[in-house]
């Protein structure tokens, strides 16, 4: 249930050409990050949309049917916010992103020992703005190089196949599939509860390693997933789904603050 493609750490390493020296043997979602900055650090889940009269009949429906309703509701959303964190023995990975069905997105992500970055897409172009720690990790400590990279957005990486996971995460349908559709196990029924101020019913799954994930599904109105959490195993944490169907406003950064992906790689190589 909790997809291992949640965080695209491996793609970031490939983008920067850092290899295992900078990223170790990190899996896409196995590692943790330095403390997040910006929206990711300040993320506080907000309530899901106001419920309507529709009620999820958890007594009659099977766990698989409830899961399908949650997936169908998520697939029908025009926009949402995904926020939360995953922890392991190495630290914390955080994410706070809003995205819509037009391919627009904005938000921040913090990754394992690398720092954090802001991601923006207007549905056509993609821009990534790493923080100072991220630049230092991959740009080196050369003052001249860091001066060129400071407060700059990378763009053009969307044309690199190695970055597909990152660009897909700005696409609502792809991001939703990454979250809920790994097909690794069959859910079982949990219990009723309240999550982020929303009445929910939980579904539980265990993967082939015996590690458990829980999906909390709204039981009133649209049956959106409200929270996805992993409570056992080496990687634990939770992801909140909020702000469904709210308009997403995105503004591309000015050209003066953008550096081309290829030029960035050349700058780092020549340092």
Protein backbone atom coordinates (compact mmCIF):
# COMPACT_ATOMS: atom_id res chain seq x y z
CA UNK A 1 0.00 0.00 0.00
CA UNK A 2 2.74 2.47 0.91
CA UNK A 3 4.73 2.58 -2.31
CA UNK A 4 8.50 2.39 -2.16
CA UNK A 5 8.63 5.07 -4.87
CA UNK A 6 7.43 7.64 -2.35
CA UNK A 7 10.67 9.60 -2.44
CA UNK A 8 12.79 9.66 -5.59
CA UNK A 9 16.16 9.85 -3.90
CA UNK A 10 17.83 7.65 -6.49
CA UNK A 11 16.67 9.95 -9.27
CA UNK A 12 18.18 12.96 -7.49
CA UNK A 13 21.51 11.15 -7.22
CA UNK A 14 21.42 10.32 -10.92
CA UNK A 15 20.55 13.92 -11.81
CA UNK A 16 23.56 15.27 -9.99
CA UNK A 17 25.93 12.55 -11.10
CA UNK A 18 26.91 12.01 -7.49
CA UNK A 19 26.79 8.22 -7.50
CA UNK A 20 27.19 6.23 -4.32
CA UNK A 21 29.87 8.54 -2.93
CA UNK A 22 27.26 11.16 -2.08
CA UNK A 23 24.15 9.03 -1.75
CA UNK A 24 25.44 5.71 -0.45
CA UNK A 25 23.30 2.78 -1.51
CA UNK A 26 20.06 4.69 -0.92
CA UNK A 27 16.82 3.25 -2.21
CA UNK A 28 14.22 5.62 -3.55
CA UNK A 29 12.38 5.94 -0.27
CA UNK A 30 14.72 4.32 2.24
CA UNK A 31 16.68 7.31 3.40
CA UNK A 32 16.16 10.38 5.47
CA UNK A 33 17.03 13.99 5.17
CA UNK A 34 18.42 16.96 6.94
CA UNK A 35 15.73 18.99 8.70
CA UNK A 36 13.37 20.45 6.13
CA UNK A 37 13.05 24.13 5.47
CA UNK A 38 10.20 26.21 4.11
CA UNK A 39 6.83 24.63 3.54
CA UNK A 40 7.99 21.10 4.30
CA UNK A 41 9.11 22.02 7.80
CA UNK A 42 6.05 24.10 8.55
CA UNK A 43 3.54 21.64 7.11
CA UNK A 44 0.42 21.30 9.26
CA UNK A 45 -2.28 19.12 7.71
CA UNK A 46 -5.58 20.87 7.11
CA UNK A 47 -8.99 19.28 7.09
CA UNK A 48 -10.35 17.50 4.03
CA UNK A 49 -13.32 18.94 2.13
CA UNK A 50 -16.62 19.35 4.01
CA UNK A 51 -18.44 15.99 3.98
CA UNK A 52 -21.68 15.55 2.05
CA UNK A 53 -24.53 13.15 2.87
CA UNK A 54 -22.76 10.16 1.30
CA UNK A 55 -21.72 7.51 3.82
CA UNK A 56 -19.16 4.71 3.43
CA UNK A 57 -20.87 1.45 4.44
CA UNK A 58 -17.93 -0.20 6.16
CA UNK A 59 -20.07 -3.07 7.46
CA UNK A 60 -21.21 -4.28 4.04
CA UNK A 61 -18.16 -3.43 1.96
CA UNK A 62 -15.06 -5.62 1.94
CA UNK A 63 -11.61 -4.20 2.62
CA UNK A 64 -10.79 -4.47 -1.09
CA UNK A 65 -13.97 -2.60 -2.01
CA UNK A 66 -13.20 0.17 0.47
CA UNK A 67 -9.67 0.46 -0.90
CA UNK A 68 -11.04 0.70 -4.44
CA UNK A 69 -13.41 3.49 -3.43
CA UNK A 70 -10.47 5.40 -1.94
CA UNK A 71 -8.43 4.93 -5.12
CA UNK A 72 -11.36 5.96 -7.29
CA UNK A 73 -11.97 9.07 -5.19
CA UNK A 74 -8.30 10.00 -5.37
CA UNK A 75 -8.32 9.48 -9.14
CA UNK A 76 -11.27 11.89 -9.44
CA UNK A 77 -9.58 14.71 -7.52
CA UNK A 78 -8.62 17.80 -9.49
CA UNK A 79 -5.94 18.78 -6.97
CA UNK A 80 -4.56 17.87 -3.56
CA UNK A 81 -1.80 18.45 -1.06
CA UNK A 82 0.55 15.64 -0.01
CA UNK A 83 2.56 16.26 3.15
CA UNK A 84 4.36 14.23 5.76
CA UNK A 85 7.57 12.49 6.65
CA UNK A 86 9.27 9.11 6.64
CA UNK A 87 11.93 8.19 9.18
CA UNK A 88 14.62 5.54 9.32
CA UNK A 89 17.85 5.00 11.20
CA UNK A 90 19.45 7.63 8.98
CA UNK A 91 17.07 10.50 9.65
CA UNK A 92 13.93 12.02 8.16
CA UNK A 93 12.60 12.57 4.65
CA UNK A 94 9.87 15.23 4.43
CA UNK A 95 7.54 16.33 1.67
CA UNK A 96 4.94 19.08 1.28
CA UNK A 97 3.59 19.37 -2.26
CA UNK A 98 0.39 20.66 -3.86
CA UNK A 99 -0.46 19.50 -7.38
CA UNK A 100 -3.33 19.44 -9.82
CA UNK A 101 -4.61 17.55 -12.84
CA UNK A 102 -3.09 20.18 -15.18
CA UNK A 103 0.44 19.14 -14.17
CA UNK A 104 0.99 22.19 -11.99
CA UNK A 105 2.77 21.72 -8.68
CA UNK A 106 4.73 23.55 -6.03
CA UNK A 107 6.26 22.53 -2.75
CA UNK A 108 9.35 21.31 -0.97
CA UNK A 109 11.08 18.04 -0.30
CA UNK A 110 14.00 17.20 2.00
CA UNK A 111 16.18 14.22 1.20
CA UNK A 112 18.79 12.04 2.92
CA UNK A 113 21.76 14.04 4.10
CA UNK A 114 21.43 16.36 1.12
CA UNK A 115 19.32 19.26 2.34
CA UNK A 116 16.01 20.32 0.84
CA UNK A 117 14.71 21.79 -2.40
CA UNK A 118 11.69 23.57 -3.80
CA UNK A 119 9.93 22.16 -6.86
CA UNK A 120 7.73 24.19 -9.22
CA UNK A 121 5.98 23.23 -12.44
CA UNK A 122 3.54 25.24 -14.49
CA UNK A 123 2.49 22.09 -16.32
CA UNK A 124 5.12 22.46 -19.03
CA UNK A 125 8.46 23.44 -17.51
CA UNK A 126 9.95 22.20 -14.25
CA UNK A 127 12.09 24.17 -11.81
CA UNK A 128 13.99 22.90 -8.79
CA UNK A 129 15.62 25.24 -6.26
CA UNK A 130 17.92 23.47 -3.79
CA UNK A 131 18.83 25.07 -0.48
CA UNK A 132 22.40 26.02 0.48
CA UNK A 133 23.15 22.61 1.99
CA UNK A 134 22.03 20.85 -1.16
CA UNK A 135 24.23 23.04 -3.36
CA UNK A 136 27.21 22.51 -1.07
CA UNK A 137 26.67 18.76 -1.06
CA UNK A 138 26.80 18.48 -4.83
CA UNK A 139 28.36 21.74 -5.96
CA UNK A 140 31.37 21.47 -3.70
CA UNK A 141 32.84 24.18 -1.52
CA UNK A 142 34.38 26.27 -4.31
CA UNK A 143 33.15 29.84 -3.57
CA UNK A 144 33.02 30.73 -7.27
CA UNK A 145 30.79 27.75 -8.04
CA UNK A 146 28.53 28.35 -5.06
CA UNK A 147 28.15 32.01 -6.03
CA UNK A 148 26.79 30.95 -9.44
CA UNK A 149 24.36 28.49 -7.93
CA UNK A 150 23.06 30.46 -4.95
CA UNK A 151 19.33 31.23 -5.11
CA UNK A 152 19.07 29.66 -8.55
CA UNK A 153 16.51 27.25 -9.96
CA UNK A 154 17.52 24.29 -12.11
CA UNK A 155 15.45 23.69 -15.24
CA UNK A 156 15.67 21.43 -18.27
CA UNK A 157 16.03 18.20 -16.30
CA UNK A 158 12.53 17.13 -17.36
CA UNK A 159 14.08 15.95 -20.63
CA UNK A 160 16.32 13.46 -18.83
CA UNK A 161 14.76 9.96 -18.56
CA UNK A 162 16.57 9.49 -15.24
CA UNK A 163 14.43 12.26 -13.77
CA UNK A 164 11.07 10.72 -14.72
CA UNK A 165 10.17 9.92 -11.10
CA UNK A 166 10.70 13.54 -10.08
CA UNK A 167 8.65 15.02 -12.92
CA UNK A 168 5.95 12.37 -12.45
CA UNK A 169 5.54 13.52 -8.88
CA UNK A 170 4.20 16.83 -10.18
CA UNK A 171 1.52 14.97 -12.12
CA UNK A 172 -1.49 14.27 -9.94
CA UNK A 173 -2.42 10.91 -11.49
CA UNK A 174 1.15 9.57 -11.38
CA UNK A 175 1.79 10.78 -7.85
CA UNK A 176 -1.46 9.19 -6.67
CA UNK A 177 -0.51 5.87 -8.23
CA UNK A 178 2.92 6.00 -6.62
CA UNK A 179 1.31 6.46 -3.24
CA UNK A 180 -1.40 3.82 -3.28
CA UNK A 181 -0.82 1.35 -6.07
CA UNK A 182 2.14 -0.94 -5.43
CA UNK A 183 -0.06 -4.07 -5.47
CA UNK A 184 2.12 -5.85 -2.91
CA UNK A 185 -0.58 -7.24 -0.61
CA UNK A 186 -4.28 -7.54 0.21
CA UNK A 187 -5.87 -5.17 2.75
CA UNK A 188 -7.83 -6.17 5.83
CA UNK A 189 -10.34 -4.10 7.78
CA UNK A 190 -9.22 -1.95 10.68
CA UNK A 191 -11.45 0.35 12.69
CA UNK A 192 -13.31 3.65 12.67
CA UNK A 193 -11.51 6.77 13.84
CA UNK A 194 -10.85 10.46 13.23
CA UNK A 195 -7.79 11.71 11.35
CA UNK A 196 -7.06 15.39 10.65
CA UNK A 197 -10.59 16.18 11.85
CA UNK A 198 -12.15 13.77 9.34
CA UNK A 199 -14.16 10.65 10.19
CA UNK A 200 -12.26 7.68 8.79
CA UNK A 201 -12.06 3.91 8.55
CA UNK A 202 -8.69 2.19 8.44
CA UNK A 203 -7.36 -0.56 6.20
CA UNK A 204 -4.25 -2.53 7.08
CA UNK A 205 -1.79 -4.39 4.90
CA UNK A 206 1.39 -6.37 5.45
CA UNK A 207 4.04 -6.69 2.77
CA UNK A 208 6.16 -9.77 2.10
CA UNK A 209 8.55 -8.62 4.83
CA UNK A 210 5.78 -8.51 7.40
CA UNK A 211 5.89 -4.70 7.59
CA UNK A 212 2.51 -3.07 8.15
CA UNK A 213 0.91 -0.06 6.47
CA UNK A 214 -2.39 1.60 7.33
CA UNK A 215 -4.64 3.61 5.03
CA UNK A 216 -7.25 5.89 6.63
CA UNK A 217 -10.23 6.50 4.32
CA UNK A 218 -12.84 9.24 4.73
CA UNK A 219 -16.26 7.76 5.50
CA UNK A 220 -18.39 10.79 4.65
CA UNK A 221 -18.66 12.77 1.43
CA UNK A 222 -16.05 11.72 -1.10
CA UNK A 223 -14.16 8.71 0.19
CA UNK A 224 -10.71 10.21 -0.18
CA UNK A 225 -7.64 8.71 1.45
CA UNK A 226 -6.85 10.93 4.42
CA UNK A 227 -3.63 9.45 5.74
CA UNK A 228 -1.25 6.67 4.74
CA UNK A 229 1.17 5.46 7.38
CA UNK A 230 3.80 2.80 7.90
CA UNK A 231 4.14 1.80 11.52
CA UNK A 232 6.55 -1.14 11.46
CA UNK A 233 9.86 -1.94 9.83
CA UNK A 234 12.99 0.13 9.35
CA UNK A 235 11.23 2.95 7.47
CA UNK A 236 8.25 4.46 9.28
CA UNK A 237 6.15 7.58 8.92
CA UNK A 238 2.98 9.03 7.51
CA UNK A 239 1.68 10.92 4.51
CA UNK A 240 -1.39 13.17 4.73
CA UNK A 241 -3.77 13.85 1.85
CA UNK A 242 -5.53 17.21 2.22
CA UNK A 243 -6.80 20.30 0.35
CA UNK A 244 -8.66 18.25 -2.25
CA UNK A 245 -9.98 20.12 -5.30
CA UNK A 246 -8.61 23.49 -4.22
CA UNK A 247 -7.14 25.72 -6.99
CA UNK A 248 -3.36 25.54 -7.38
CA UNK A 249 -1.59 28.76 -8.33
CA UNK A 250 1.91 28.50 -9.77
CA UNK A 251 4.26 31.17 -11.07
CA UNK A 252 7.44 30.26 -12.91
CA UNK A 253 10.61 31.93 -11.57
CA UNK A 254 12.13 34.83 -13.53
CA UNK A 255 14.72 33.89 -16.17
CA UNK A 256 17.42 35.72 -14.20
CA UNK A 257 17.13 33.18 -11.37
CA UNK A 258 17.21 30.06 -13.55
CA UNK A 259 20.20 27.93 -14.58
CA UNK A 260 20.02 25.24 -17.24
CA UNK A 261 20.49 21.64 -16.11
CA UNK A 262 23.33 21.02 -18.58
CA UNK A 263 25.15 24.19 -17.55
CA UNK A 264 24.78 23.17 -13.92
CA UNK A 265 26.44 19.82 -14.58
CA UNK A 266 29.25 21.55 -16.51
CA UNK A 267 29.74 24.02 -13.64
CA UNK A 268 30.09 21.22 -11.09
CA UNK A 269 32.43 19.17 -13.31
CA UNK A 270 34.72 22.14 -13.93
CA UNK A 271 34.95 23.06 -10.24
